[in-house]
């Protein structure tokens, strides 16, 4: 039956989790075995690293003294342990940053950190220990050795360690090497501090339009999704394709509009979108769900991006695959985006000609959006009359009514009183200029107060 779900028993869930864990362990073991398959021990004397091996043969290192020297960036000790013929391409099993459920011998499940395979080069490069890194490189460390799936260069980029990136590239690291996850080093430049890393990669010939193997994201998709304005500028200067689509048919503009972000990041994503659009990004492109950038920006309640798209001609009433318009997307998310001031998005859509909510559905909208009185105010001010009943009072929780007493009192009074003459005049003008208000009103040279009134200025009360 469509829409139905399966209720799994606890034993079935445990079985599924066990199966998933076994698969993860199998993959981990495969990576470890691949890294060790060239291991060839040769006789040698003892020392800090135990048995000596040929320079390029990987060896597992379990010595806590060696690991501590690497993780703390102690140059003196690193020079001591990695000198002469001592192997530098060691495999170290380290604890990852992410927690996952694992089962014990008795079948009990607990949260433990994931195990990761790393090397001395990875540890020093990803932490910016450039003196230690240089020492290892000078002693022949393999810059492409990647037992954990990522090269040292990729991990250095991921952590924004510019000097490490510069050293690795100068020692021949491949800027276009692909990780086990299908990403190049340029894809891993996804924090603000990695901008200089990205510049170095591009100077060394990194492919600016390489698409990741699973998601088909380009570095520009990644930069746009993370709101990295400088990265976006840089990649575009080096010829990044502004309308390349990924597996979800998203362009970088779609990616930027769809990425959830806090209210303090709204300006940042606005600037990223503006840069992409100024570089000729198509504002009408749609993803696999037929969602346009306008739909996605409304989901995230970013009024600045919404107004930018509307001003440039985005269709305000076009529907996605699910049959939802931009107005429906914002109304569905009002209660979750209060800090983003979703009323500004609703007002912008109405001013650009969004189809009004069917009056019979207003009580449903009130139920879901009453925590944002200004959203209700904008919607109500697009009708000349609305049939308000006692059911409306019941639709708004008492604590919200008490928080905004003046507004809700004026709303509930509309059941007994007609709207003011001033509002009726505004309604007539808006009806006549439906969808053209933002373009026509500036040409009429009206007083700013009157213009703001016609554009649904918020007054926190209904007249």
Protein backbone atom coordinates (compact mmCIF):
# COMPACT_ATOMS: atom_id res chain seq x y z
CA UNK A 1 0.00 0.00 0.00
CA UNK A 2 1.46 3.39 -1.01
CA UNK A 3 2.65 5.47 1.93
CA UNK A 4 2.61 2.50 4.34
CA UNK A 5 5.57 1.68 6.58
CA UNK A 6 6.92 -1.53 8.05
CA UNK A 7 7.09 -2.00 11.81
CA UNK A 8 10.34 -3.83 12.53
CA UNK A 9 10.72 -5.93 15.65
CA UNK A 10 13.67 -5.22 17.96
CA UNK A 11 15.35 -8.47 16.90
CA UNK A 12 14.97 -7.56 13.22
CA UNK A 13 16.49 -4.13 13.87
CA UNK A 14 19.41 -5.71 15.72
CA UNK A 15 19.94 -8.07 12.81
CA UNK A 16 19.93 -5.22 10.30
CA UNK A 17 22.35 -3.20 12.43
CA UNK A 18 24.64 -6.21 12.81
CA UNK A 19 24.60 -6.74 9.05
CA UNK A 20 25.49 -3.09 8.48
CA UNK A 21 28.34 -3.30 11.00
CA UNK A 22 29.74 -6.42 9.34
CA UNK A 23 29.66 -4.67 5.97
CA UNK A 24 31.52 -1.65 7.41
CA UNK A 25 34.11 -3.91 9.01
CA UNK A 26 34.55 -5.75 5.72
CA UNK A 27 35.18 -2.48 3.88
CA UNK A 28 37.59 -1.34 6.60
CA UNK A 29 39.48 -4.66 6.43
CA UNK A 30 39.67 -4.45 2.64
CA UNK A 31 41.24 -0.97 2.82
CA UNK A 32 43.71 -2.18 5.46
CA UNK A 33 44.64 -5.26 3.43
CA UNK A 34 45.13 -3.19 0.28
CA UNK A 35 47.48 -0.91 2.17
CA UNK A 36 49.40 -3.86 3.59
CA UNK A 37 49.54 -6.07 0.50
CA UNK A 38 53.01 -4.80 -0.41
CA UNK A 39 54.40 -5.33 3.09
CA UNK A 40 57.67 -7.21 3.05
CA UNK A 41 59.60 -7.42 6.30
CA UNK A 42 63.38 -7.63 6.23
CA UNK A 43 65.79 -8.34 9.08
CA UNK A 44 66.82 -5.29 11.04
CA UNK A 45 67.66 -4.06 14.44
CA UNK A 46 65.15 -2.88 16.98
CA UNK A 47 64.31 0.69 17.70
CA UNK A 48 61.39 2.98 18.24
CA UNK A 49 59.52 1.55 15.24
CA UNK A 50 60.27 -2.15 15.77
CA UNK A 51 61.21 -4.11 12.64
CA UNK A 52 62.63 -2.19 9.69
CA UNK A 53 61.09 -2.53 6.25
CA UNK A 54 61.93 -1.26 2.79
CA UNK A 55 61.32 2.50 2.46
CA UNK A 56 58.07 2.26 0.44
CA UNK A 57 56.59 -0.81 2.14
CA UNK A 58 53.77 0.04 4.58
CA UNK A 59 53.95 -1.24 8.13
CA UNK A 60 51.41 -1.03 10.95
CA UNK A 61 52.55 1.19 13.80
CA UNK A 62 51.04 0.58 17.24
CA UNK A 63 53.77 2.35 19.22
CA UNK A 64 52.04 5.02 21.38
CA UNK A 65 55.28 7.03 21.67
CA UNK A 66 55.52 7.38 17.89
CA UNK A 67 51.83 8.22 17.58
CA UNK A 68 52.03 10.80 20.36
CA UNK A 69 55.00 12.48 18.67
CA UNK A 70 53.06 12.75 15.42
CA UNK A 71 49.74 13.89 16.87
CA UNK A 72 51.44 16.52 19.05
CA UNK A 73 53.76 17.75 16.30
CA UNK A 74 56.90 17.17 18.36
CA UNK A 75 59.62 17.79 15.77
CA UNK A 76 62.49 16.56 17.92
CA UNK A 77 60.84 13.20 18.54
CA UNK A 78 59.63 12.88 14.93
CA UNK A 79 63.25 13.40 13.80
CA UNK A 80 64.35 10.76 16.29
CA UNK A 81 61.82 8.12 15.21
CA UNK A 82 62.03 8.86 11.49
CA UNK A 83 65.73 8.96 10.74
CA UNK A 84 68.16 6.90 8.74
CA UNK A 85 66.47 3.86 7.20
CA UNK A 86 63.42 3.98 9.45
CA UNK A 87 60.18 3.51 7.46
CA UNK A 88 58.03 6.61 7.00
CA UNK A 89 55.01 5.11 5.22
CA UNK A 90 53.44 3.63 8.32
CA UNK A 91 49.80 2.69 8.80
CA UNK A 92 48.28 3.98 12.00
CA UNK A 93 44.83 2.96 13.21
CA UNK A 94 43.35 6.10 14.68
CA UNK A 95 40.03 6.94 16.27
CA UNK A 96 37.79 8.95 13.95
CA UNK A 97 35.65 11.94 14.89
CA UNK A 98 32.28 10.24 14.29
CA UNK A 99 30.41 7.95 16.66
CA UNK A 100 28.63 4.82 15.47
CA UNK A 101 26.83 1.86 17.05
CA UNK A 102 28.90 -1.29 17.41
CA UNK A 103 28.08 -4.60 19.06
CA UNK A 104 30.19 -6.25 21.74
CA UNK A 105 30.98 -9.91 22.14
CA UNK A 106 27.83 -10.41 24.24
CA UNK A 107 25.59 -8.79 21.65
CA UNK A 108 25.32 -5.49 23.52
CA UNK A 109 25.32 -2.32 21.44
CA UNK A 110 27.26 0.77 22.40
CA UNK A 111 28.47 4.00 20.81
CA UNK A 112 32.12 3.87 19.83
CA UNK A 113 34.30 6.02 17.60
CA UNK A 114 34.98 4.82 14.09
CA UNK A 115 38.43 3.49 13.34
CA UNK A 116 40.37 5.25 10.61
CA UNK A 117 43.55 4.33 8.79
CA UNK A 118 46.05 7.15 8.63
CA UNK A 119 49.79 7.75 8.16
CA UNK A 120 52.46 10.05 9.61
CA UNK A 121 52.13 12.22 6.50
CA UNK A 122 48.35 12.52 6.92
CA UNK A 123 48.63 13.38 10.61
CA UNK A 124 51.22 16.12 10.16
CA UNK A 125 49.73 17.54 6.96
CA UNK A 126 46.15 17.76 8.28
CA UNK A 127 47.29 19.50 11.49
CA UNK A 128 49.64 21.99 9.88
CA UNK A 129 52.82 20.59 11.48
CA UNK A 130 54.88 21.77 8.52
CA UNK A 131 58.32 21.17 10.09
CA UNK A 132 57.41 17.55 10.83
CA UNK A 133 55.78 17.20 7.42
CA UNK A 134 58.88 18.50 5.66
CA UNK A 135 61.09 16.08 7.60
CA UNK A 136 58.93 13.13 6.51
CA UNK A 137 58.88 14.28 2.90
CA UNK A 138 62.65 14.72 2.88
CA UNK A 139 62.93 11.10 4.09
CA UNK A 140 60.92 9.80 1.14
CA UNK A 141 57.33 9.65 2.39
CA UNK A 142 54.91 8.70 -0.40
CA UNK A 143 52.68 11.73 -1.07
CA UNK A 144 50.01 9.54 -2.68
CA UNK A 145 49.81 6.86 0.03
CA UNK A 146 46.15 6.78 1.13
CA UNK A 147 45.26 3.75 3.27
CA UNK A 148 42.23 5.56 4.71
CA UNK A 149 40.84 6.60 1.33
CA UNK A 150 42.09 10.21 1.23
CA UNK A 151 45.52 11.47 0.25
CA UNK A 152 47.51 13.72 2.61
CA UNK A 153 46.83 16.60 0.22
CA UNK A 154 43.08 16.07 0.47
CA UNK A 155 43.16 16.02 4.26
CA UNK A 156 45.30 19.16 4.34
CA UNK A 157 42.77 20.93 2.09
CA UNK A 158 39.87 19.73 4.22
CA UNK A 159 41.47 21.38 7.26
CA UNK A 160 42.60 24.53 5.45
CA UNK A 161 46.32 23.92 6.09
CA UNK A 162 47.78 26.11 3.36
CA UNK A 163 51.48 25.57 4.14
CA UNK A 164 50.97 21.80 4.18
CA UNK A 165 49.29 22.00 0.78
CA UNK A 166 52.16 24.08 -0.59
CA UNK A 167 54.74 21.55 0.67
CA UNK A 168 52.89 18.50 -0.65
CA UNK A 169 52.39 20.04 -4.08
CA UNK A 170 56.05 21.01 -4.27
CA UNK A 171 56.94 17.37 -3.53
CA UNK A 172 54.78 16.13 -6.41
CA UNK A 173 51.36 15.50 -4.86
CA UNK A 174 48.71 15.05 -7.54
CA UNK A 175 46.05 17.82 -7.25
CA UNK A 176 43.62 15.68 -9.28
CA UNK A 177 43.92 12.45 -7.28
CA UNK A 178 40.49 11.02 -6.45
CA UNK A 179 39.62 9.76 -2.96
CA UNK A 180 37.69 6.57 -2.22
CA UNK A 181 34.62 8.81 -1.83
CA UNK A 182 35.09 10.11 -5.39
CA UNK A 183 36.31 13.63 -4.57
CA UNK A 184 39.39 15.56 -5.65
CA UNK A 185 41.36 17.90 -3.39
CA UNK A 186 39.43 20.89 -4.75
CA UNK A 187 36.19 19.31 -3.50
CA UNK A 188 37.65 19.20 0.00
CA UNK A 189 38.18 22.97 0.06
CA UNK A 190 34.92 23.62 1.86
CA UNK A 191 35.78 25.89 4.78
CA UNK A 192 36.60 29.63 4.55
CA UNK A 193 40.24 29.02 5.58
CA UNK A 194 40.78 26.75 2.57
CA UNK A 195 40.67 29.58 0.00
CA UNK A 196 44.47 29.75 -0.30
CA UNK A 197 44.57 25.95 -0.61
CA UNK A 198 42.16 26.20 -3.55
CA UNK A 199 44.33 28.87 -5.20
CA UNK A 200 47.40 26.65 -4.93
CA UNK A 201 45.57 23.64 -6.33
CA UNK A 202 44.36 25.62 -9.33
CA UNK A 203 47.85 27.00 -9.94
CA UNK A 204 49.13 23.41 -9.97
CA UNK A 205 46.54 22.35 -12.56
CA UNK A 206 43.57 21.11 -10.52
CA UNK A 207 40.56 20.30 -12.71
CA UNK A 208 37.97 22.96 -11.92
CA UNK A 209 35.00 21.09 -13.38
CA UNK A 210 35.68 17.54 -12.17
CA UNK A 211 32.44 15.92 -11.01
CA UNK A 212 32.45 13.68 -7.93
CA UNK A 213 31.78 10.03 -8.67
CA UNK A 214 28.62 9.52 -6.62
CA UNK A 215 26.85 12.90 -6.47
CA UNK A 216 28.41 14.40 -9.65
CA UNK A 217 29.12 17.61 -7.73
CA UNK A 218 31.72 20.02 -9.11
CA UNK A 219 33.89 22.07 -6.73
CA UNK A 220 31.56 24.99 -7.54
CA UNK A 221 28.58 22.99 -6.25
CA UNK A 222 30.48 22.39 -3.00
CA UNK A 223 31.54 26.04 -2.63
CA UNK A 224 28.02 27.32 -3.34
CA UNK A 225 26.44 24.80 -0.95
CA UNK A 226 28.77 25.91 1.85
CA UNK A 227 28.21 29.61 1.18
CA UNK A 228 31.86 30.27 0.27
CA UNK A 229 31.74 33.55 -1.66
CA UNK A 230 35.52 33.83 -2.17
CA UNK A 231 35.74 30.25 -3.41
CA UNK A 232 32.89 30.86 -5.85
CA UNK A 233 34.64 33.95 -7.26
CA UNK A 234 37.92 32.02 -7.57
CA UNK A 235 36.43 28.97 -9.28
CA UNK A 236 34.50 31.10 -11.75
CA UNK A 237 37.69 32.99 -12.65
CA UNK A 238 39.31 29.66 -13.48
CA UNK A 239 36.45 28.64 -15.78
CA UNK A 240 34.06 26.72 -13.53
CA UNK A 241 30.80 25.86 -15.33
CA UNK A 242 28.02 27.86 -13.70
CA UNK A 243 25.19 25.63 -14.95
CA UNK A 244 26.72 22.14 -14.67
CA UNK A 245 24.17 19.74 -13.13
CA UNK A 246 24.78 17.02 -10.54
CA UNK A 247 22.94 13.70 -10.09
CA UNK A 248 19.93 15.56 -8.62
CA UNK A 249 19.91 17.93 -11.62
CA UNK A 250 20.99 20.75 -9.34
CA UNK A 251 23.19 23.55 -10.61
CA UNK A 252 25.44 25.45 -8.17
CA UNK A 253 22.64 28.04 -7.87
CA UNK A 254 20.15 25.34 -6.89
CA UNK A 255 22.70 23.99 -4.41
CA UNK A 256 23.15 27.39 -2.78
CA UNK A 257 19.40 28.03 -2.57
CA UNK A 258 18.65 24.57 -1.14
CA UNK A 259 21.26 24.54 1.63
CA UNK A 260 19.71 25.11 5.09
CA UNK A 261 21.37 28.00 6.90
CA UNK A 262 20.90 30.13 9.97
CA UNK A 263 19.55 33.70 9.99
CA UNK A 264 23.08 35.04 10.44
CA UNK A 265 24.10 33.42 7.12
CA UNK A 266 21.30 34.84 4.98
CA UNK A 267 23.44 37.70 3.63
CA UNK A 268 26.26 35.28 2.87
CA UNK A 269 24.06 33.00 0.74
CA UNK A 270 22.50 36.05 -0.91
CA UNK A 271 25.95 37.22 -2.04
CA UNK A 272 26.83 33.74 -3.31
CA UNK A 273 23.61 33.58 -5.34
CA UNK A 274 24.19 37.10 -6.65
CA UNK A 275 27.69 36.19 -7.85
CA UNK A 276 26.38 33.07 -9.62
CA UNK A 277 23.53 34.99 -11.27
CA UNK A 278 25.87 37.77 -12.38
CA UNK A 279 27.94 35.00 -13.99
CA UNK A 280 24.86 34.03 -16.05
CA UNK A 281 23.49 31.22 -13.89
CA UNK A 282 20.02 30.20 -15.08
CA UNK A 283 17.44 31.22 -12.47
CA UNK A 284 14.80 29.01 -14.14
CA UNK A 285 16.70 25.73 -13.89
CA UNK A 286 14.95 22.92 -12.02
CA UNK A 287 16.09 19.81 -10.20
CA UNK A 288 14.70 16.27 -10.41
CA UNK A 289 11.73 17.28 -8.26
CA UNK A 290 10.99 20.19 -10.62
CA UNK A 291 12.02 22.62 -7.88
CA UNK A 292 13.28 25.98 -9.10
CA UNK A 293 15.75 28.13 -7.13
CA UNK A 294 12.76 30.20 -5.96
CA UNK A 295 11.11 27.13 -4.41
CA UNK A 296 14.33 26.20 -2.62
CA UNK A 297 14.97 29.73 -1.34
CA UNK A 298 11.42 29.82 0.05
CA UNK A 299 12.04 26.54 1.88
CA UNK A 300 14.95 28.24 3.63
CA UNK A 301 13.02 31.49 4.18
CA UNK A 302 15.82 33.63 2.74
CA UNK A 303 13.90 36.78 1.80
CA UNK A 304 16.91 38.49 0.17
CA UNK A 305 17.46 35.59 -2.23
CA UNK A 306 13.71 35.35 -2.88
CA UNK A 307 13.47 39.06 -3.73
CA UNK A 308 16.54 38.82 -5.96
CA UNK A 309 15.05 35.93 -7.93
CA UNK A 310 11.64 37.60 -8.22
CA UNK A 311 13.16 40.87 -9.37
CA UNK A 312 15.02 39.03 -12.13
CA UNK A 313 11.89 37.28 -13.39
CA UNK A 314 11.41 34.01 -11.52
CA UNK A 315 7.90 32.71 -12.03
CA UNK A 316 6.13 33.25 -8.72
CA UNK A 317 3.35 30.71 -9.27
CA UNK A 318 5.15 27.86 -11.03
CA UNK A 319 4.66 24.46 -9.40
CA UNK A 320 7.15 21.78 -8.43
CA UNK A 321 6.64 18.06 -9.12
CA UNK A 322 4.58 17.77 -5.92
CA UNK A 323 2.25 20.55 -7.10
CA UNK A 324 3.53 23.11 -4.59
CA UNK A 325 4.15 26.76 -5.39
CA UNK A 326 6.71 29.04 -3.74
CA UNK A 327 3.98 30.35 -1.40
CA UNK A 328 3.15 26.83 -0.24
CA UNK A 329 6.81 26.10 0.44
CA UNK A 330 7.24 29.12 2.71
CA UNK A 331 3.94 28.58 4.55
CA UNK A 332 4.93 24.98 5.25
CA UNK A 333 8.13 26.21 6.90
CA UNK A 334 7.03 29.37 8.71
CA UNK A 335 6.84 27.73 12.14
CA UNK A 336 10.39 26.35 11.78
CA UNK A 337 11.98 29.52 10.43
CA UNK A 338 10.73 32.25 12.76
CA UNK A 339 14.22 33.69 13.26
CA UNK A 340 14.53 34.10 9.48
CA UNK A 341 11.50 36.44 9.49
CA UNK A 342 9.44 34.37 7.01
CA UNK A 343 6.83 37.16 6.79
CA UNK A 344 9.24 39.02 4.49
CA UNK A 345 9.20 36.12 2.04
CA UNK A 346 5.38 35.93 2.14
CA UNK A 347 5.08 39.68 1.55
CA UNK A 348 7.54 39.58 -1.37
CA UNK A 349 5.65 36.74 -3.05
CA UNK A 350 2.33 38.56 -2.65
CA UNK A 351 3.77 41.78 -4.06
CA UNK A 352 5.02 39.91 -7.12
CA UNK A 353 1.63 38.37 -7.81
CA UNK A 354 1.50 35.10 -5.90
CA UNK A 355 -1.93 33.48 -6.07
CA UNK A 356 -3.74 34.14 -2.83
CA UNK A 357 -4.71 31.34 -0.47
CA UNK A 358 -8.25 30.05 -1.02
CA UNK A 359 -10.31 31.74 1.76
CA UNK A 360 -11.62 28.40 2.96
CA UNK A 361 -8.06 27.28 3.70
CA UNK A 362 -7.13 30.37 5.71
CA UNK A 363 -8.03 28.74 9.02
CA UNK A 364 -5.65 25.89 8.24
CA UNK A 365 -2.90 28.39 7.43
CA UNK A 366 -3.71 30.21 10.68
CA UNK A 367 -3.27 26.97 12.61
CA UNK A 368 0.20 26.35 11.20
CA UNK A 369 1.46 29.94 10.95
CA UNK A 370 -0.06 31.69 13.99
CA UNK A 371 3.37 31.83 15.66
CA UNK A 372 4.23 34.42 12.99
CA UNK A 373 1.46 37.07 13.25
CA UNK A 374 3.05 39.20 10.53
CA UNK A 375 2.71 36.32 8.07
CA UNK A 376 -1.02 36.22 8.86
CA UNK A 377 -1.19 40.01 8.56
CA UNK A 378 0.36 40.00 5.07
CA UNK A 379 -2.05 37.30 3.90
CA UNK A 380 -5.14 38.97 5.39
CA UNK A 381 -4.30 42.33 3.82
CA UNK A 382 -4.72 40.90 0.32
CA UNK A 383 -8.51 40.40 0.79
CA UNK A 384 -11.25 43.01 0.94
CA UNK A 385 -13.25 40.81 3.32
CA UNK A 386 -12.75 37.51 5.11
CA UNK A 387 -15.31 35.42 6.95
CA UNK A 388 -13.84 35.07 10.43
CA UNK A 389 -15.64 32.64 12.75
CA UNK A 390 -15.26 31.44 16.33
CA UNK A 391 -13.26 28.52 14.98
CA UNK A 392 -10.45 30.97 14.26
CA UNK A 393 -10.14 31.76 17.96
CA UNK A 394 -9.84 28.06 18.78
CA UNK A 395 -7.18 27.61 16.07
CA UNK A 396 -4.69 29.87 17.89
CA UNK A 397 -3.17 28.57 21.15
CA UNK A 398 -3.91 30.80 24.13
CA UNK A 399 -0.23 31.46 24.89
CA UNK A 400 0.29 32.85 21.36
CA UNK A 401 -2.80 35.05 21.70
CA UNK A 402 -1.43 36.40 24.98
CA UNK A 403 1.94 37.08 23.36
CA UNK A 404 0.34 39.19 20.60
CA UNK A 405 -2.96 40.39 22.11
CA UNK A 406 -3.45 43.51 19.98
CA UNK A 407 -2.98 41.70 16.67
CA UNK A 408 -5.20 38.70 17.39
CA UNK A 409 -7.91 40.88 18.90
CA UNK A 410 -7.99 42.89 15.66
CA UNK A 411 -8.04 39.66 13.63
CA UNK A 412 -10.95 38.10 15.51
CA UNK A 413 -12.90 41.38 15.33
CA UNK A 414 -13.01 41.11 11.53
CA UNK A 415 -15.97 38.79 11.98
CA UNK A 416 -18.11 41.72 13.18
CA UNK A 417 -16.50 44.78 11.57
CA UNK A 418 -15.78 45.67 7.92
CA UNK A 419 -12.26 46.59 6.83
CA UNK A 420 -11.26 50.26 6.91
CA UNK A 421 -11.75 52.49 3.85
CA UNK A 422 -7.98 52.98 3.67
CA UNK A 423 -7.44 49.24 3.39
CA UNK A 424 -10.18 48.86 0.77
CA UNK A 425 -8.48 51.54 -1.33
CA UNK A 426 -5.17 49.63 -1.03
CA UNK A 427 -6.93 46.42 -2.03
CA UNK A 428 -8.31 48.04 -5.19
CA UNK A 429 -4.94 49.44 -6.24
CA UNK A 430 -3.22 46.12 -5.63
CA UNK A 431 -5.91 44.26 -7.55
CA UNK A 432 -5.44 46.60 -10.51
CA UNK A 433 -1.62 46.30 -10.47
CA UNK A 434 -1.50 42.61 -9.55
CA UNK A 435 2.06 41.31 -9.88
CA UNK A 436 3.39 44.63 -11.19
CA UNK A 437 3.59 46.60 -7.95
CA UNK A 438 7.41 46.50 -7.48
CA UNK A 439 7.95 47.75 -11.03
CA UNK A 440 5.12 50.27 -11.33
CA UNK A 441 5.05 52.00 -7.95
CA UNK A 442 8.56 53.55 -8.23
CA UNK A 443 7.45 55.22 -11.47
CA UNK A 444 4.43 56.87 -9.82
CA UNK A 445 6.64 58.95 -7.51
CA UNK A 446 4.28 58.49 -4.58
CA UNK A 447 5.22 59.52 -1.04
CA UNK A 448 7.36 56.77 0.55
CA UNK A 449 4.79 56.22 3.31
CA UNK A 450 2.04 55.54 0.78
CA UNK A 451 4.29 53.27 -1.28
CA UNK A 452 5.16 51.24 1.82
CA UNK A 453 1.47 50.97 2.71
CA UNK A 454 0.60 49.64 -0.73
CA UNK A 455 3.48 47.15 -0.47
CA UNK A 456 1.95 45.66 2.71
CA UNK A 457 3.92 47.53 5.36
CA UNK A 458 3.71 45.64 8.65
CA UNK A 459 1.62 47.42 11.30
CA UNK A 460 1.06 44.50 13.72
CA UNK A 461 -2.69 45.18 13.67
CA UNK A 462 -5.52 44.78 11.14
CA UNK A 463 -7.73 47.76 10.33
